[in-house]
């Protein structure tokens, strides 16, 4: 779950964008040919370090999902890496070169 969350976080930061027609409000890239998501070739080698922690307050088994955590942290980390490398802070996702130059 966590690896998948990290991959989707990178995808959110760099690839995914729903393009809408301003006049009609319709989604213009409503299929996977035009809405870019990562494929195996886009995925770098990733490593996750997890700290084991029991949380008896969550449920009787003390388990919880972690996939969502990887999404939010990764997108922010990508934005901060772009800021560190370029000196320009991205203000929206996906990060586009024209936003950094303009």
N, C-alpha and C. Protein backbone atom coordinates (compact mmCIF):
# COMPACT_ATOMS: atom_id res chain seq x y z
N UNK A 1 0.83 -1.20 0.00
CA UNK A 1 0.00 0.00 0.00
C UNK A 1 0.86 1.25 0.00
N UNK A 2 1.89 1.25 0.81
CA UNK A 2 2.70 2.47 0.95
C UNK A 2 3.45 2.78 -0.33
N UNK A 3 4.04 1.75 -0.97
CA UNK A 3 4.75 1.98 -2.23
C UNK A 3 3.79 2.52 -3.29
N UNK A 4 2.62 1.96 -3.37
CA UNK A 4 1.63 2.46 -4.32
C UNK A 4 1.25 3.90 -4.03
N UNK A 5 1.11 4.24 -2.76
CA UNK A 5 0.81 5.62 -2.38
C UNK A 5 1.91 6.57 -2.80
N UNK A 6 3.16 6.16 -2.62
CA UNK A 6 4.28 7.02 -3.03
C UNK A 6 4.29 7.22 -4.54
N UNK A 7 4.02 6.17 -5.28
CA UNK A 7 4.00 6.28 -6.74
C UNK A 7 2.88 7.21 -7.19
N UNK A 8 1.71 7.09 -6.59
CA UNK A 8 0.61 7.98 -6.96
C UNK A 8 0.87 9.41 -6.50
N UNK A 9 1.64 9.59 -5.42
CA UNK A 9 2.02 10.95 -5.01
C UNK A 9 2.91 11.61 -6.04
N UNK A 10 3.87 10.86 -6.57
CA UNK A 10 4.73 11.39 -7.64
C UNK A 10 3.90 11.67 -8.88
N UNK A 11 2.98 10.78 -9.20
CA UNK A 11 2.11 10.98 -10.35
C UNK A 11 1.26 12.23 -10.19
N UNK A 12 0.70 12.43 -9.01
CA UNK A 12 -0.10 13.63 -8.74
C UNK A 12 0.74 14.89 -8.92
N UNK A 13 1.99 14.85 -8.44
CA UNK A 13 2.85 16.03 -8.49
C UNK A 13 3.35 16.34 -9.90
N UNK A 14 3.55 15.32 -10.73
CA UNK A 14 4.21 15.54 -12.02
C UNK A 14 3.37 15.22 -13.25
N UNK A 15 2.35 14.39 -13.14
CA UNK A 15 1.64 13.92 -14.34
C UNK A 15 0.18 14.32 -14.40
N UNK A 16 -0.57 14.06 -13.36
CA UNK A 16 -2.02 14.08 -13.45
C UNK A 16 -2.60 15.48 -13.49
N UNK A 17 -3.47 15.70 -14.47
CA UNK A 17 -4.17 16.98 -14.57
C UNK A 17 -5.47 16.76 -15.32
N UNK A 18 -6.56 17.10 -14.69
CA UNK A 18 -7.86 17.04 -15.35
C UNK A 18 -8.07 18.37 -16.06
N UNK A 19 -8.18 18.32 -17.37
CA UNK A 19 -8.36 19.53 -18.17
C UNK A 19 -9.84 19.69 -18.46
N UNK A 20 -10.38 20.83 -18.07
CA UNK A 20 -11.80 21.09 -18.28
C UNK A 20 -12.01 22.19 -19.30
N UNK A 21 -13.09 22.06 -20.04
CA UNK A 21 -13.50 23.10 -20.97
C UNK A 21 -14.14 24.21 -20.14
N UNK A 22 -13.58 25.39 -20.19
CA UNK A 22 -14.10 26.50 -19.36
C UNK A 22 -15.53 26.88 -19.73
N UNK A 23 -15.90 26.66 -20.96
CA UNK A 23 -17.24 27.04 -21.39
C UNK A 23 -18.30 26.04 -20.96
N UNK A 24 -18.02 24.76 -21.18
CA UNK A 24 -19.04 23.74 -20.88
C UNK A 24 -18.83 23.07 -19.52
N UNK A 25 -17.61 23.16 -18.98
CA UNK A 25 -17.31 22.49 -17.73
C UNK A 25 -17.03 21.01 -17.87
N UNK A 26 -16.99 20.51 -19.09
CA UNK A 26 -16.75 19.09 -19.34
C UNK A 26 -15.26 18.77 -19.27
N UNK A 27 -14.97 17.56 -18.81
CA UNK A 27 -13.59 17.07 -18.76
C UNK A 27 -13.15 16.76 -20.19
N UNK A 28 -12.01 17.31 -20.61
CA UNK A 28 -11.53 17.09 -21.97
C UNK A 28 -10.61 15.89 -22.10
N UNK A 29 -9.98 15.48 -21.03
CA UNK A 29 -9.08 14.31 -21.08
C UNK A 29 -9.64 13.21 -20.18
N UNK A 30 -10.79 12.71 -20.58
CA UNK A 30 -11.54 11.78 -19.73
C UNK A 30 -11.22 10.31 -19.98
N UNK A 31 -10.10 10.02 -20.65
CA UNK A 31 -9.73 8.62 -20.85
C UNK A 31 -8.24 8.45 -20.56
N UNK A 32 -7.80 7.22 -20.46
CA UNK A 32 -6.41 6.97 -20.08
C UNK A 32 -5.42 7.25 -21.20
N UNK A 33 -5.89 7.51 -22.41
CA UNK A 33 -4.99 7.91 -23.48
C UNK A 33 -4.55 9.36 -23.31
N UNK A 34 -5.40 10.17 -22.69
CA UNK A 34 -5.11 11.60 -22.54
C UNK A 34 -4.84 12.02 -21.10
N UNK A 35 -5.30 11.24 -20.13
CA UNK A 35 -5.05 11.55 -18.72
C UNK A 35 -3.85 10.72 -18.29
N UNK A 36 -2.74 11.38 -18.08
CA UNK A 36 -1.47 10.68 -17.87
C UNK A 36 -1.33 10.18 -16.43
N UNK A 37 -1.09 8.89 -16.31
CA UNK A 37 -0.80 8.24 -15.03
C UNK A 37 0.49 7.44 -15.21
N UNK A 38 1.18 7.13 -14.14
CA UNK A 38 2.46 6.44 -14.29
C UNK A 38 2.29 4.99 -14.76
N UNK A 39 3.26 4.57 -15.54
CA UNK A 39 3.37 3.17 -15.95
C UNK A 39 4.67 2.64 -15.36
N UNK A 40 4.94 1.37 -15.51
CA UNK A 40 6.13 0.77 -14.90
C UNK A 40 7.41 1.52 -15.26
N UNK A 41 7.54 1.98 -16.49
CA UNK A 41 8.76 2.68 -16.92
C UNK A 41 8.94 4.01 -16.20
N UNK A 42 7.87 4.59 -15.67
CA UNK A 42 7.95 5.88 -14.97
C UNK A 42 8.34 5.74 -13.50
N UNK A 43 8.30 4.53 -12.98
CA UNK A 43 8.46 4.34 -11.54
C UNK A 43 9.93 4.08 -11.20
N UNK A 44 10.52 4.98 -10.41
CA UNK A 44 11.90 4.75 -9.99
C UNK A 44 11.95 3.71 -8.88
N UNK A 45 13.14 3.35 -8.52
CA UNK A 45 13.31 2.46 -7.36
C UNK A 45 13.02 3.28 -6.11
N UNK A 46 12.13 2.79 -5.28
CA UNK A 46 11.76 3.52 -4.06
C UNK A 46 12.01 2.65 -2.85
N UNK A 47 12.21 3.31 -1.73
CA UNK A 47 12.43 2.60 -0.47
C UNK A 47 11.60 3.29 0.61
N UNK A 48 10.92 2.50 1.39
CA UNK A 48 10.11 3.04 2.48
C UNK A 48 10.63 2.48 3.80
N UNK A 49 10.80 3.35 4.75
CA UNK A 49 11.20 2.95 6.09
C UNK A 49 10.01 3.18 7.01
N UNK A 50 9.51 2.13 7.60
CA UNK A 50 8.34 2.22 8.46
C UNK A 50 8.72 1.95 9.90
N UNK A 51 8.14 2.70 10.79
CA UNK A 51 8.36 2.52 12.22
C UNK A 51 7.15 1.78 12.78
N UNK A 52 7.38 0.63 13.37
CA UNK A 52 6.28 -0.15 13.92
C UNK A 52 5.73 0.54 15.17
N UNK A 53 4.43 0.70 15.19
CA UNK A 53 3.77 1.34 16.33
C UNK A 53 2.40 0.70 16.52
N UNK A 54 2.15 0.16 17.67
CA UNK A 54 0.82 -0.38 17.98
C UNK A 54 -0.10 0.77 18.35
N UNK A 55 -1.30 0.72 17.82
CA UNK A 55 -2.30 1.74 18.14
C UNK A 55 -3.60 1.03 18.50
N UNK A 56 -3.80 0.72 19.77
CA UNK A 56 -4.99 -0.02 20.17
C UNK A 56 -6.28 0.80 20.08
N UNK A 57 -6.16 2.11 19.86
CA UNK A 57 -7.35 2.96 19.81
C UNK A 57 -8.01 2.98 18.44
N UNK A 58 -7.29 2.54 17.40
CA UNK A 58 -7.83 2.55 16.04
C UNK A 58 -8.94 1.53 15.89
N UNK A 59 -8.65 0.29 16.25
CA UNK A 59 -9.63 -0.79 16.20
C UNK A 59 -9.12 -1.93 17.07
N UNK A 60 -9.90 -2.97 17.16
CA UNK A 60 -9.55 -4.07 18.06
C UNK A 60 -8.23 -4.74 17.69
N UNK A 61 -7.89 -4.76 16.41
CA UNK A 61 -6.65 -5.40 15.97
C UNK A 61 -5.45 -4.45 16.00
N UNK A 62 -5.71 -3.15 16.10
CA UNK A 62 -4.63 -2.17 16.11
C UNK A 62 -3.99 -1.94 14.75
N UNK A 63 -4.74 -2.21 13.68
CA UNK A 63 -4.18 -2.04 12.34
C UNK A 63 -4.82 -0.84 11.65
N UNK A 64 -4.10 -0.29 10.69
CA UNK A 64 -4.63 0.84 9.93
C UNK A 64 -3.99 0.87 8.55
N UNK A 65 -4.65 1.49 7.60
CA UNK A 65 -4.13 1.62 6.25
C UNK A 65 -3.07 2.70 6.17
N UNK A 66 -2.11 2.51 5.29
CA UNK A 66 -1.04 3.50 5.16
C UNK A 66 -0.89 4.03 3.74
N UNK A 67 -1.66 3.55 2.80
CA UNK A 67 -1.50 3.98 1.41
C UNK A 67 -1.69 5.47 1.21
N UNK A 68 -2.67 6.04 1.88
CA UNK A 68 -2.96 7.46 1.72
C UNK A 68 -1.83 8.34 2.25
N UNK A 69 -1.15 7.89 3.27
CA UNK A 69 -0.07 8.68 3.86
C UNK A 69 1.04 8.91 2.83
N UNK A 70 1.34 7.91 2.04
CA UNK A 70 2.38 8.04 1.03
C UNK A 70 2.04 9.03 -0.06
N UNK A 71 0.77 9.18 -0.37
CA UNK A 71 0.36 10.10 -1.44
C UNK A 71 0.64 11.54 -1.03
N UNK A 72 0.16 11.96 0.12
CA UNK A 72 0.27 13.36 0.51
C UNK A 72 1.70 13.77 0.79
N UNK A 73 2.45 12.94 1.46
CA UNK A 73 3.83 13.30 1.77
C UNK A 73 4.71 13.37 0.54
N UNK A 74 4.48 12.47 -0.40
CA UNK A 74 5.33 12.42 -1.59
C UNK A 74 5.11 13.62 -2.49
N UNK A 75 3.88 14.02 -2.72
CA UNK A 75 3.62 15.17 -3.57
C UNK A 75 4.26 16.43 -3.00
N UNK A 76 4.17 16.62 -1.70
CA UNK A 76 4.82 17.77 -1.06
C UNK A 76 6.33 17.69 -1.15
N UNK A 77 6.89 16.49 -1.02
CA UNK A 77 8.34 16.31 -1.12
C UNK A 77 8.83 16.64 -2.52
N UNK A 78 8.08 16.25 -3.54
CA UNK A 78 8.45 16.58 -4.92
C UNK A 78 8.42 18.09 -5.11
N UNK A 79 7.39 18.75 -4.63
CA UNK A 79 7.30 20.21 -4.76
C UNK A 79 8.46 20.90 -4.05
N UNK A 80 8.82 20.43 -2.87
CA UNK A 80 9.95 21.02 -2.15
C UNK A 80 11.27 20.75 -2.85
N UNK A 81 11.42 19.58 -3.48
CA UNK A 81 12.64 19.28 -4.24
C UNK A 81 12.76 20.21 -5.45
N UNK A 82 11.65 20.48 -6.12
CA UNK A 82 11.66 21.41 -7.25
C UNK A 82 12.04 22.80 -6.76
N UNK A 83 11.48 23.24 -5.65
CA UNK A 83 11.81 24.55 -5.09
C UNK A 83 13.30 24.63 -4.74
N UNK A 84 13.82 23.58 -4.11
CA UNK A 84 15.23 23.56 -3.72
C UNK A 84 16.14 23.60 -4.95
N UNK A 85 15.76 22.90 -6.01
CA UNK A 85 16.59 22.83 -7.21
C UNK A 85 16.52 24.09 -8.07
N UNK A 86 15.36 24.76 -8.07
CA UNK A 86 15.17 25.89 -8.99
C UNK A 86 15.08 27.25 -8.30
N UNK A 87 14.76 27.26 -7.02
CA UNK A 87 14.52 28.52 -6.32
C UNK A 87 13.12 29.06 -6.54
N UNK A 88 12.30 28.35 -7.29
CA UNK A 88 10.92 28.75 -7.56
C UNK A 88 9.99 27.75 -6.88
N UNK A 89 9.10 28.27 -6.04
CA UNK A 89 8.18 27.37 -5.33
C UNK A 89 6.96 27.09 -6.20
N UNK A 90 6.72 25.80 -6.49
CA UNK A 90 5.50 25.46 -7.24
C UNK A 90 4.27 25.79 -6.41
N UNK A 91 3.25 26.35 -7.06
CA UNK A 91 2.03 26.73 -6.37
C UNK A 91 0.83 25.90 -6.77
N UNK A 92 1.02 24.97 -7.70
CA UNK A 92 -0.08 24.09 -8.10
C UNK A 92 0.50 22.80 -8.66
N UNK A 93 -0.35 21.79 -8.71
CA UNK A 93 0.02 20.50 -9.29
C UNK A 93 -0.78 20.29 -10.56
N UNK A 94 -0.24 19.60 -11.54
CA UNK A 94 1.12 19.09 -11.59
C UNK A 94 2.12 20.21 -11.83
N UNK A 95 3.35 19.99 -11.39
CA UNK A 95 4.42 20.96 -11.59
C UNK A 95 4.75 20.97 -13.08
N UNK A 96 4.71 22.15 -13.68
CA UNK A 96 5.00 22.31 -15.10
C UNK A 96 6.16 23.28 -15.27
N UNK A 97 6.98 23.04 -16.28
CA UNK A 97 8.13 23.89 -16.54
C UNK A 97 7.70 25.33 -16.82
N UNK A 98 6.59 25.52 -17.52
CA UNK A 98 6.14 26.88 -17.83
C UNK A 98 5.76 27.66 -16.57
N UNK A 99 5.31 26.98 -15.54
CA UNK A 99 5.01 27.66 -14.28
C UNK A 99 6.29 28.09 -13.58
N UNK A 100 7.35 27.32 -13.75
CA UNK A 100 8.63 27.67 -13.12
C UNK A 100 9.33 28.80 -13.86
N UNK A 101 9.14 28.88 -15.16
CA UNK A 101 9.80 29.91 -15.96
C UNK A 101 9.03 31.22 -15.97
N UNK A 102 7.72 31.16 -15.77
CA UNK A 102 6.88 32.35 -15.90
C UNK A 102 6.76 33.04 -14.64
